[in-house]
Amino acid sequence: MPVKVNFPANEKIVAALASGKIKAEEVFYRLKEMIERCDGNINSFAHLVDTYSQPVSAPLHGLPFAVKDIIDTKGVPTEYGSAIFSGHMPGTDATVVKSLKRSGGIIQGKTSTHEFAMGVVTQQSRNPWHTKRITGGSSGGSAAALAAGFSVFALGTDTAGSIRIPAAFCGVTGLKPSTGKLSVKGIYPEAWSLDTVGPMCRHASDIPFLLGAMGYSPGPCKPWKNSRAAIITNFVDSANPEVIRLFNSFLSTLSSEDLVQEEEISIPELDEVALMDDLMDSAENSAVQKELFRKSPDKFTYLSRKQLEYSSNIKASDYIASQRARKKYISLFRRLHKKFRFLLSPTMPEIAPNWQEIIDKPPEFYLKYVSYTNLYNFTRDPAITIPIGFASGMPVGAQISSAWGDDLSICGIAAEYQKISDHHLMYPDSMAKNARMLTESIA
C-alpha cells in the first residue's frame, strides 16, 4: 500500500546541512542504520561504507549518495555485479564520483547491479513494493535504495534504459542525460557508443542541481511552457490497459495546467530503431566481454551466459548496418524536435514482472522492456522518467524526452508535474516509517 511521506528535496537537505540545522554525519549514520536493519529482503546495496568521511566543500555539504556498483570508487569495493571481480578495489574514482566528492558529496556505498550492467533484471535485488517482483535493471539497486528510503540520490548508468527502467518499476525519478554530456571514464563499459551515466532521486527539481555537482553545466533553460508535445501512440497502444489509463491521466494533468500543447503521432520506424539499438548494444558488449567470457564462462551468471552466447553470433555486417541506421534515425529525431519540444510516452509497457515470470527466458524476450527506452540511447537524446501512479499496487512511470542538450527542459516539465502530484512522494507501507523518521530529523 502506497504511503505518502513529504520527504524534502535534496536542495532543502543541503540548505539544512549548510546552515548547521542538521549534521551530515548524523544523516549518514541514520541512513546506514536503516539499511543494515531493513535491506535484507531487498538487497539494494552490494557494499556499505562503514565510516563517515568529512566532506571537502560546498555545494553538497556532506550530502550522502549511493553509487551503482559498475562505477569505480577509490577504496570502496567495486565488483561490477560479478563474482569474477569479487573484492576488486579501484585505485581511482570514476570522473563523476570525483566531481561529486569535490562538490562535498559523501559515498554511502555501492548499489547492486545486473552483472556488468548487461540486463534489465538485477537478479540479486528485489522490488521494495513487492519483493517477488524485479527492480528492473541494470541500475536496480539504486532505484530500490531510493524507493525504500535508504538514499536521497543515487548514480545509475543507462545504455538501453538502465536508469529509466528500474526508476519506473520502483516509482522514483531518473534521468538519462544527453549522451556525451557527462564523462563515463571509470565506468565499466557495456556498449561504448551508447553508455551514459545519470542521477536518480525523487524530486525532478533536484536534477539540475545534481547534474552540476556531477560535472554537467547545461546552461540556462530556454522557456518551454506551452511548447508542443508529441504523444507517441506506438508506445501507448501497446501498453497494458492500466498503464494506458494512468498515462492518459498524466496527459490530462499536463493539458489542464497548460504545460504543453499535445498532439498524437505514430513513428512507424520505432520497431527498427529498437532492434538496431539492441544489435549495436549486443555487438559492442560481446566485444567488451570476449576475453573474459572465453577465459571464465562458468563464472558468469546464467542470464549473462545466455546473452553473450546470443551476442557472439552477430555479424560485422549487421553491426555496420546498425551504425548507418543510427545516423538516419538521429536525423529523423532532429526533424521531429524541430516540430515538437517534447516526446511523451509510458516508460514501460507494464508493471514490474514477477521474478518467476521472466526467469529462463531467451535474450530476445527482454527486448520488450527496452523498446520504450533504448531509442533515446540510439538518438543520444535526454529522457526522464517520473512516477505517475500505481497499478495493482506497483508504480507506473511516464517518459519525457527532448532534443540533445535540452536536459533542463524535461527536468522542468517533470518538476512542474510533481508540484501538482504526489506520486513521487509515495513509499511502500513497510518503509514509510523509516522515511518519516528521516524527514523529521531533517525538518
Protein backbone atom coordinates (compact mmCIF):
# COMPACT_ATOMS: atom_id res chain seq x y z
CA MET A 1 0.00 0.00 0.00
CA PRO A 2 1.47 3.40 -1.00
CA VAL A 3 2.00 5.82 1.89
CA LYS A 4 2.79 9.48 1.32
CA VAL A 5 5.79 10.98 3.09
CA ASN A 6 6.67 14.61 2.37
CA PHE A 7 10.34 13.85 2.01
CA PRO A 8 12.31 17.05 1.28
CA ALA A 9 14.14 17.74 -1.94
CA ASN A 10 17.91 17.33 -1.94
CA GLU A 11 18.38 21.09 -2.17
CA LYS A 12 16.41 21.57 1.06
CA ILE A 13 18.50 18.93 2.79
CA VAL A 14 21.67 20.65 1.57
CA ALA A 15 20.37 24.01 2.86
CA ALA A 16 19.81 22.42 6.28
CA LEU A 17 23.32 20.95 6.18
CA ALA A 18 24.85 24.27 5.18
CA SER A 19 23.09 26.17 7.95
CA GLY A 20 24.10 23.63 10.59
CA LYS A 21 20.47 22.77 11.31
CA ILE A 22 21.39 19.12 10.76
CA LYS A 23 24.77 17.40 10.67
CA ALA A 24 25.86 15.41 7.62
CA GLU A 25 27.40 12.78 9.88
CA GLU A 26 24.05 12.16 11.59
CA VAL A 27 22.26 11.77 8.24
CA PHE A 28 24.96 9.36 7.03
CA TYR A 29 24.71 7.12 10.09
CA ARG A 30 20.92 7.30 10.24
CA LEU A 31 20.73 6.01 6.68
CA LYS A 32 23.39 3.37 7.36
CA GLU A 33 21.47 2.06 10.35
CA MET A 34 18.29 1.96 8.29
CA ILE A 35 19.98 -0.02 5.50
CA GLU A 36 21.50 -2.52 7.91
CA ARG A 37 18.15 -3.05 9.57
CA CYS A 38 15.84 -3.18 6.55
CA ASP A 39 17.76 -4.07 3.38
CA GLY A 40 17.92 -7.83 3.99
CA ASN A 41 14.90 -8.74 1.82
CA ILE A 42 15.66 -6.12 -0.82
CA ASN A 43 19.43 -6.29 -1.20
CA SER A 44 19.66 -2.87 -2.79
CA PHE A 45 23.24 -2.44 -1.55
CA ALA A 46 26.19 -4.62 -2.51
CA HIS A 47 28.61 -2.80 -0.16
CA LEU A 48 28.23 -0.19 2.56
CA VAL A 49 30.83 2.38 3.58
CA ASP A 50 31.33 1.89 7.33
CA THR A 51 32.80 5.22 8.36
CA TYR A 52 31.70 8.77 7.64
CA SER A 53 34.33 10.95 5.96
CA GLN A 54 34.41 14.72 6.23
CA PRO A 55 33.09 16.46 3.09
CA VAL A 56 35.56 18.51 1.08
CA SER A 57 33.37 21.50 0.28
CA ALA A 58 30.12 23.02 -0.87
CA PRO A 59 27.72 22.86 -2.69
CA LEU A 60 26.64 19.45 -1.33
CA HIS A 61 27.91 19.99 2.25
CA GLY A 62 28.16 16.28 3.05
CA LEU A 63 25.01 15.06 1.28
CA PRO A 64 25.23 11.23 1.16
CA PHE A 65 24.72 9.41 -2.13
CA ALA A 66 24.74 5.84 -3.41
CA VAL A 67 26.82 4.65 -6.37
CA LYS A 68 25.92 1.84 -8.75
CA ASP A 69 28.43 -0.98 -8.47
CA ILE A 70 29.52 -0.57 -12.09
CA ILE A 71 31.11 2.82 -11.28
CA ASP A 72 34.63 2.91 -9.82
CA THR A 73 35.05 4.26 -6.29
CA LYS A 74 38.53 4.61 -4.82
CA GLY A 75 38.98 2.47 -1.72
CA VAL A 76 35.41 1.14 -1.87
CA PRO A 77 34.80 -2.35 -3.35
CA THR A 78 33.58 -2.21 -6.94
CA GLU A 79 32.71 -5.66 -8.25
CA TYR A 80 30.60 -4.80 -11.31
CA GLY A 81 27.92 -7.21 -10.07
CA SER A 82 30.19 -10.13 -10.92
CA ALA A 83 31.88 -12.91 -8.96
CA ILE A 84 34.84 -12.52 -11.31
CA PHE A 85 35.70 -9.19 -9.66
CA SER A 86 34.97 -10.22 -6.08
CA GLY A 87 36.92 -7.94 -3.71
CA HIS A 88 38.09 -5.62 -6.51
CA MET A 89 39.22 -2.27 -5.10
CA PRO A 90 39.74 0.53 -7.66
CA GLY A 91 42.69 2.86 -7.22
CA THR A 92 40.82 5.87 -8.58
CA ASP A 93 37.30 7.26 -8.69
CA ALA A 94 35.25 7.49 -11.84
CA THR A 95 35.13 11.07 -13.14
CA VAL A 96 31.55 11.70 -11.97
CA VAL A 97 32.38 10.37 -8.50
CA LYS A 98 35.44 12.65 -8.30
CA SER A 99 33.24 15.59 -9.21
CA LEU A 100 30.61 14.74 -6.59
CA LYS A 101 33.26 14.29 -3.88
CA ARG A 102 34.87 17.63 -4.83
CA SER A 103 31.39 19.11 -4.52
CA GLY A 104 31.08 17.82 -0.97
CA GLY A 105 29.17 14.57 -1.52
CA ILE A 106 29.75 11.54 0.70
CA ILE A 107 29.54 7.99 -0.65
CA GLN A 108 27.14 5.72 1.29
CA GLY A 109 28.03 2.56 -0.56
CA LYS A 110 27.63 0.61 -3.78
CA THR A 111 24.22 -0.46 -5.06
CA SER A 112 23.50 -3.83 -6.64
CA THR A 113 23.59 -4.11 -10.41
CA HIS A 114 22.82 -6.69 -13.04
CA GLU A 115 26.16 -8.35 -13.83
CA PHE A 116 28.33 -5.93 -15.84
CA ALA A 117 25.14 -3.84 -16.35
CA MET A 118 24.12 -6.37 -19.00
CA GLY A 119 20.40 -6.76 -18.36
CA VAL A 120 17.06 -5.45 -17.13
CA VAL A 121 16.60 -7.73 -14.11
CA THR A 122 19.24 -7.08 -11.37
CA GLN A 123 18.61 -10.60 -10.16
CA GLN A 124 20.15 -10.21 -6.69
CA SER A 125 17.75 -7.36 -5.72
CA ARG A 126 14.02 -7.29 -5.08
CA ASN A 127 11.49 -4.53 -5.55
CA PRO A 128 10.59 -2.74 -2.26
CA TRP A 129 6.97 -2.52 -3.44
CA HIS A 130 6.70 -6.29 -3.77
CA THR A 131 9.70 -8.49 -3.08
CA LYS A 132 8.58 -11.18 -5.52
CA ARG A 133 8.93 -8.66 -8.33
CA ILE A 134 12.10 -7.44 -10.04
CA THR A 135 13.58 -4.00 -9.56
CA GLY A 136 14.44 -3.69 -13.23
CA GLY A 137 17.97 -3.13 -14.37
CA SER A 138 20.66 -2.68 -14.60
CA SER A 139 20.56 0.16 -12.02
CA GLY A 140 18.11 -1.87 -9.96
CA GLY A 141 19.87 -1.46 -6.63
CA SER A 142 19.97 2.34 -6.97
CA ALA A 143 16.24 2.50 -7.73
CA ALA A 144 15.39 0.11 -4.88
CA ALA A 145 17.50 2.10 -2.41
CA LEU A 146 15.63 5.27 -3.30
CA ALA A 147 12.21 3.59 -3.22
CA ALA A 148 12.95 2.16 0.23
CA GLY A 149 14.17 5.50 1.60
CA PHE A 150 17.77 4.33 2.09
CA SER A 151 19.27 7.06 -0.11
CA VAL A 152 18.42 10.62 -1.08
CA PHE A 153 20.01 10.30 -4.51
CA ALA A 154 21.95 7.67 -6.41
CA LEU A 155 24.01 7.23 -9.53
CA GLY A 156 22.94 4.90 -12.29
CA THR A 157 24.09 4.10 -15.80
CA ASP A 158 21.92 3.84 -18.88
CA THR A 159 22.81 2.03 -22.12
CA ALA A 160 19.33 0.94 -23.24
CA GLY A 161 17.17 2.19 -20.36
CA SER A 162 19.09 1.02 -17.30
CA ILE A 163 18.25 4.16 -15.29
CA ARG A 164 14.71 4.64 -16.55
CA ILE A 165 13.52 1.01 -16.42
CA PRO A 166 14.24 0.45 -12.69
CA ALA A 167 13.21 4.00 -11.81
CA ALA A 168 9.81 3.35 -13.41
CA PHE A 169 9.44 -0.10 -11.84
CA CYS A 170 10.37 1.23 -8.38
CA GLY A 171 8.48 4.53 -8.50
CA VAL A 172 11.30 7.10 -8.49
CA THR A 173 12.67 9.75 -10.85
CA GLY A 174 15.62 9.06 -13.16
CA LEU A 175 17.36 10.95 -15.95
CA LYS A 176 19.31 9.56 -18.88
CA PRO A 177 21.27 12.71 -19.83
CA SER A 178 22.23 13.72 -23.34
CA THR A 179 24.85 11.21 -24.43
CA GLY A 180 28.36 12.64 -24.10
CA LYS A 181 27.48 15.42 -21.66
CA LEU A 182 28.84 13.51 -18.65
CA SER A 183 32.10 11.55 -18.67
CA VAL A 184 31.85 7.75 -18.42
CA LYS A 185 35.55 7.41 -17.60
CA GLY A 186 35.96 4.94 -14.75
CA ILE A 187 32.68 3.16 -15.52
CA TYR A 188 32.83 -0.45 -16.71
CA PRO A 189 31.57 -0.31 -20.32
CA GLU A 190 28.61 -2.19 -21.66
CA ALA A 191 28.46 -0.59 -25.10
CA TRP A 192 30.87 2.30 -25.71
CA SER A 193 28.73 4.28 -28.14
CA LEU A 194 25.54 4.03 -26.06
CA ASP A 195 26.66 4.26 -22.40
CA THR A 196 25.57 7.18 -20.22
CA VAL A 197 25.64 7.96 -16.50
CA GLY A 198 22.98 9.94 -14.66
CA PRO A 199 21.21 10.80 -11.41
CA MET A 200 18.26 9.07 -9.76
CA CYS A 201 16.24 10.72 -6.99
CA ARG A 202 12.66 11.54 -6.01
CA HIS A 203 12.27 15.20 -6.95
CA ALA A 204 12.85 16.14 -10.59
CA SER A 205 13.60 19.67 -9.38
CA ASP A 206 16.82 18.33 -7.84
CA ILE A 207 18.27 17.01 -11.07
CA PRO A 208 19.79 20.24 -12.49
CA PHE A 209 21.49 20.79 -9.13
CA LEU A 210 22.81 17.22 -9.10
CA LEU A 211 23.97 17.41 -12.72
CA GLY A 212 26.04 20.45 -11.84
CA ALA A 213 27.69 18.58 -8.97
CA MET A 214 28.40 15.69 -11.36
CA GLY A 215 30.20 17.99 -13.79
CA TYR A 216 27.47 18.85 -16.31
CA SER A 217 26.61 22.54 -16.65
CA PRO A 218 23.94 22.71 -19.35
CA GLY A 219 23.48 26.47 -19.07
CA PRO A 220 20.20 28.41 -18.87
CA CYS A 221 16.95 26.69 -19.77
CA LYS A 222 15.04 28.29 -22.63
CA PRO A 223 11.31 28.88 -21.95
CA TRP A 224 9.30 25.76 -22.67
CA LYS A 225 5.78 26.14 -21.20
CA ASN A 226 3.01 25.59 -23.73
CA SER A 227 5.52 24.02 -26.09
CA ARG A 228 4.29 21.38 -28.50
CA ALA A 229 4.50 17.81 -27.24
CA ALA A 230 4.08 14.65 -29.29
CA ILE A 231 2.39 11.62 -27.73
CA ILE A 232 3.99 8.53 -29.26
CA THR A 233 0.94 6.38 -29.91
CA ASN A 234 3.04 3.30 -30.82
CA PHE A 235 4.05 3.05 -27.17
CA VAL A 236 0.68 3.98 -25.75
CA ASP A 237 -1.30 1.47 -27.82
CA SER A 238 0.99 -1.45 -26.99
CA ALA A 239 0.98 -0.85 -23.22
CA ASN A 240 -1.07 -2.64 -20.56
CA PRO A 241 -4.60 -1.10 -20.12
CA GLU A 242 -3.83 0.08 -16.57
CA VAL A 243 -0.63 1.74 -17.78
CA ILE A 244 -2.62 3.45 -20.55
CA ARG A 245 -5.20 4.68 -18.03
CA LEU A 246 -2.54 6.24 -15.79
CA PHE A 247 -0.67 7.72 -18.75
CA ASN A 248 -3.86 9.34 -20.05
CA SER A 249 -4.45 10.82 -16.60
CA PHE A 250 -0.91 12.19 -16.68
CA LEU A 251 -1.60 13.77 -20.07
CA SER A 252 -4.84 15.30 -18.78
CA THR A 253 -2.93 16.94 -15.95
CA LEU A 254 -0.33 18.39 -18.31
CA SER A 255 -3.09 19.71 -20.56
CA SER A 256 -5.25 21.15 -17.77
CA GLU A 257 -2.26 23.04 -16.37
CA ASP A 258 -1.33 24.39 -19.83
CA LEU A 259 2.12 22.88 -19.53
CA VAL A 260 2.22 21.60 -23.12
CA GLN A 261 0.16 21.51 -26.30
CA GLU A 262 -0.31 17.83 -27.08
CA GLU A 263 -0.60 16.08 -30.40
CA GLU A 264 -0.65 12.36 -31.17
CA ILE A 265 1.88 10.94 -33.62
CA SER A 266 2.89 7.49 -34.78
CA ILE A 267 6.52 6.72 -35.63
CA PRO A 268 6.47 3.59 -37.82
CA GLU A 269 10.25 3.24 -37.68
CA LEU A 270 10.39 2.61 -33.91
CA ASP A 271 10.42 -1.18 -34.20
CA GLU A 272 13.52 -0.98 -36.36
CA VAL A 273 15.13 1.58 -34.02
CA ALA A 274 14.71 -0.79 -31.07
CA LEU A 275 16.18 -3.70 -33.00
CA MET A 276 19.11 -1.69 -34.38
CA ASP A 277 19.95 -0.30 -30.95
CA ASP A 278 19.79 -3.78 -29.41
CA LEU A 279 22.03 -5.12 -32.16
CA MET A 280 24.61 -2.38 -31.57
CA ASP A 281 24.42 -2.83 -27.80
CA SER A 282 24.82 -6.60 -28.06
CA ALA A 283 27.70 -6.45 -30.55
CA GLU A 284 29.70 -3.92 -28.53
CA ASN A 285 29.01 -5.78 -25.29
CA SER A 286 30.21 -9.01 -26.87
CA ALA A 287 33.47 -7.26 -27.80
CA VAL A 288 33.87 -5.90 -24.26
CA GLN A 289 33.37 -9.32 -22.66
CA LYS A 290 35.04 -11.51 -25.30
CA GLU A 291 38.27 -12.34 -23.47
CA LEU A 292 36.73 -12.56 -20.02
CA PHE A 293 33.98 -14.85 -21.29
CA ARG A 294 36.49 -17.02 -23.15
CA LYS A 295 38.59 -17.49 -20.01
CA SER A 296 35.86 -17.86 -17.38
CA PRO A 297 32.43 -18.64 -18.90
CA ASP A 298 31.39 -20.61 -15.82
CA LYS A 299 31.85 -17.56 -13.58
CA PHE A 300 29.17 -15.58 -15.42
CA THR A 301 25.57 -15.84 -14.27
CA TYR A 302 23.10 -17.90 -16.29
CA LEU A 303 21.41 -14.81 -17.76
CA SER A 304 24.74 -13.28 -18.79
CA ARG A 305 25.94 -16.51 -20.42
CA LYS A 306 22.76 -16.74 -22.48
CA GLN A 307 23.09 -13.11 -23.53
CA LEU A 308 26.75 -13.43 -24.52
CA GLU A 309 26.10 -16.63 -26.46
CA TYR A 310 23.38 -14.76 -28.34
CA SER A 311 25.58 -11.68 -28.91
CA SER A 312 28.57 -13.64 -30.18
CA ASN A 313 26.60 -14.64 -33.29
CA ILE A 314 26.14 -11.06 -34.51
CA LYS A 315 27.87 -10.44 -37.84
CA ALA A 316 30.13 -7.47 -38.53
CA SER A 317 27.91 -6.51 -41.47
CA ASP A 318 24.90 -6.29 -39.13
CA TYR A 319 26.82 -4.04 -36.75
CA ILE A 320 27.81 -1.74 -39.62
CA ALA A 321 24.16 -1.64 -40.70
CA SER A 322 23.18 -0.52 -37.18
CA GLN A 323 25.74 2.30 -37.33
CA ARG A 324 24.30 3.51 -40.62
CA ALA A 325 20.78 3.25 -39.26
CA ARG A 326 21.77 5.33 -36.26
CA LYS A 327 22.74 8.29 -38.44
CA LYS A 328 19.40 8.03 -40.25
CA TYR A 329 17.36 7.98 -37.06
CA ILE A 330 19.30 10.77 -35.39
CA SER A 331 18.35 12.89 -38.42
CA LEU A 332 14.73 11.74 -38.13
CA PHE A 333 14.52 12.76 -34.49
CA ARG A 334 16.18 16.11 -35.16
CA ARG A 335 13.39 16.80 -37.63
CA LEU A 336 10.82 15.71 -35.05
CA HIS A 337 12.28 18.06 -32.46
CA LYS A 338 12.01 20.99 -34.84
CA LYS A 339 8.25 20.44 -34.70
CA PHE A 340 7.89 19.16 -31.10
CA ARG A 341 9.76 20.29 -28.00
CA PHE A 342 8.83 17.11 -26.12
CA LEU A 343 8.12 13.47 -26.87
CA LEU A 344 5.85 11.69 -24.36
CA SER A 345 5.14 8.02 -23.67
CA PRO A 346 4.79 5.49 -20.88
CA THR A 347 8.24 4.46 -19.66
CA MET A 348 7.37 0.77 -19.51
CA PRO A 349 4.53 -1.20 -21.14
CA GLU A 350 3.64 -2.93 -17.85
CA ILE A 351 4.41 -3.01 -14.14
CA ALA A 352 7.49 -4.81 -12.79
CA PRO A 353 7.05 -8.51 -13.54
CA ASN A 354 7.30 -11.29 -11.02
CA TRP A 355 10.76 -12.84 -10.94
CA GLN A 356 9.36 -16.30 -11.71
CA GLU A 357 7.59 -14.98 -14.82
CA ILE A 358 10.78 -13.96 -16.59
CA ILE A 359 13.46 -16.38 -15.45
CA ASP A 360 14.83 -18.78 -18.10
CA LYS A 361 13.59 -16.63 -20.98
CA PRO A 362 15.70 -16.24 -24.15
CA PRO A 363 17.56 -12.90 -24.60
CA GLU A 364 15.09 -11.62 -27.22
CA PHE A 365 12.28 -11.87 -24.64
CA TYR A 366 13.70 -8.88 -22.77
CA LEU A 367 13.58 -6.62 -25.82
CA LYS A 368 10.05 -5.55 -24.90
CA TYR A 369 11.42 -3.97 -21.71
CA VAL A 370 13.99 -1.83 -23.54
CA SER A 371 12.00 -0.98 -26.68
CA TYR A 372 10.33 2.01 -24.97
CA THR A 373 13.66 3.42 -23.75
CA ASN A 374 16.55 2.39 -25.98
CA LEU A 375 15.62 4.71 -28.86
CA TYR A 376 16.95 7.66 -26.83
CA ASN A 377 20.27 5.91 -26.34
CA PHE A 378 20.30 5.36 -30.11
CA THR A 379 19.48 9.02 -30.88
CA ARG A 380 21.67 10.31 -27.98
CA ASP A 381 18.78 12.47 -26.65
CA PRO A 382 17.98 13.04 -22.97
CA ALA A 383 14.99 11.30 -21.39
CA ILE A 384 13.50 11.38 -17.91
CA THR A 385 11.04 9.05 -16.18
CA ILE A 386 8.76 10.15 -13.37
CA PRO A 387 6.16 8.20 -11.37
CA ILE A 388 2.54 8.83 -12.39
CA GLY A 389 0.55 6.41 -10.23
CA PHE A 390 0.03 2.77 -9.27
CA ALA A 391 -1.44 -0.27 -10.99
CA SER A 392 -2.06 -3.38 -8.87
CA GLY A 393 -0.07 -1.71 -6.11
CA MET A 394 3.02 -1.22 -8.30
CA PRO A 395 4.48 2.04 -9.66
CA VAL A 396 4.00 3.23 -13.24
CA GLY A 397 6.16 5.86 -14.94
CA ALA A 398 5.92 8.34 -17.81
CA GLN A 399 8.87 9.19 -20.04
CA ILE A 400 9.64 12.66 -21.41
CA SER A 401 12.33 13.34 -23.99
CA SER A 402 13.63 16.39 -25.80
CA ALA A 403 16.40 17.26 -28.23
CA TRP A 404 20.06 16.58 -27.46
CA GLY A 405 21.35 19.10 -24.91
CA ASP A 406 17.87 20.14 -23.76
CA ASP A 407 18.05 18.21 -20.48
CA LEU A 408 16.84 21.11 -18.34
CA SER A 409 13.54 21.40 -20.20
CA ILE A 410 12.49 17.83 -19.48
CA CYS A 411 13.54 18.31 -15.85
CA GLY A 412 11.45 21.47 -15.80
CA ILE A 413 8.24 19.91 -17.08
CA ALA A 414 8.73 16.91 -14.77
CA ALA A 415 9.18 19.24 -11.80
CA GLU A 416 6.04 21.20 -12.71
CA TYR A 417 4.04 17.98 -12.83
CA GLN A 418 5.42 16.97 -9.43
CA LYS A 419 4.26 20.27 -7.94
CA ILE A 420 0.67 19.19 -8.56
CA SER A 421 1.03 15.45 -7.96
CA ASP A 422 2.37 13.34 -5.11
CA HIS A 423 3.29 10.03 -6.76
CA HIS A 424 7.00 10.77 -6.28
CA LEU A 425 6.43 11.05 -2.52
CA MET A 426 4.93 7.59 -2.10
CA TYR A 427 6.71 4.87 -0.14
CA PRO A 428 5.90 1.20 0.40
CA ASP A 429 3.97 0.84 3.66
CA SER A 430 6.78 -1.21 5.20
CA MET A 431 9.33 1.55 4.50
CA ALA A 432 7.29 4.68 5.21
CA LYS A 433 8.23 4.73 8.90
CA ASN A 434 11.92 4.95 8.02
CA ALA A 435 11.36 7.78 5.55
CA ARG A 436 9.18 9.61 8.06
CA MET A 437 11.83 9.34 10.79
CA LEU A 438 14.49 10.76 8.50
CA THR A 439 12.14 13.53 7.36
CA GLU A 440 11.51 14.53 10.96
CA SER A 441 15.21 14.66 11.71
CA ILE A 442 15.79 16.95 8.72
CA ALA A 443 12.73 19.18 9.13
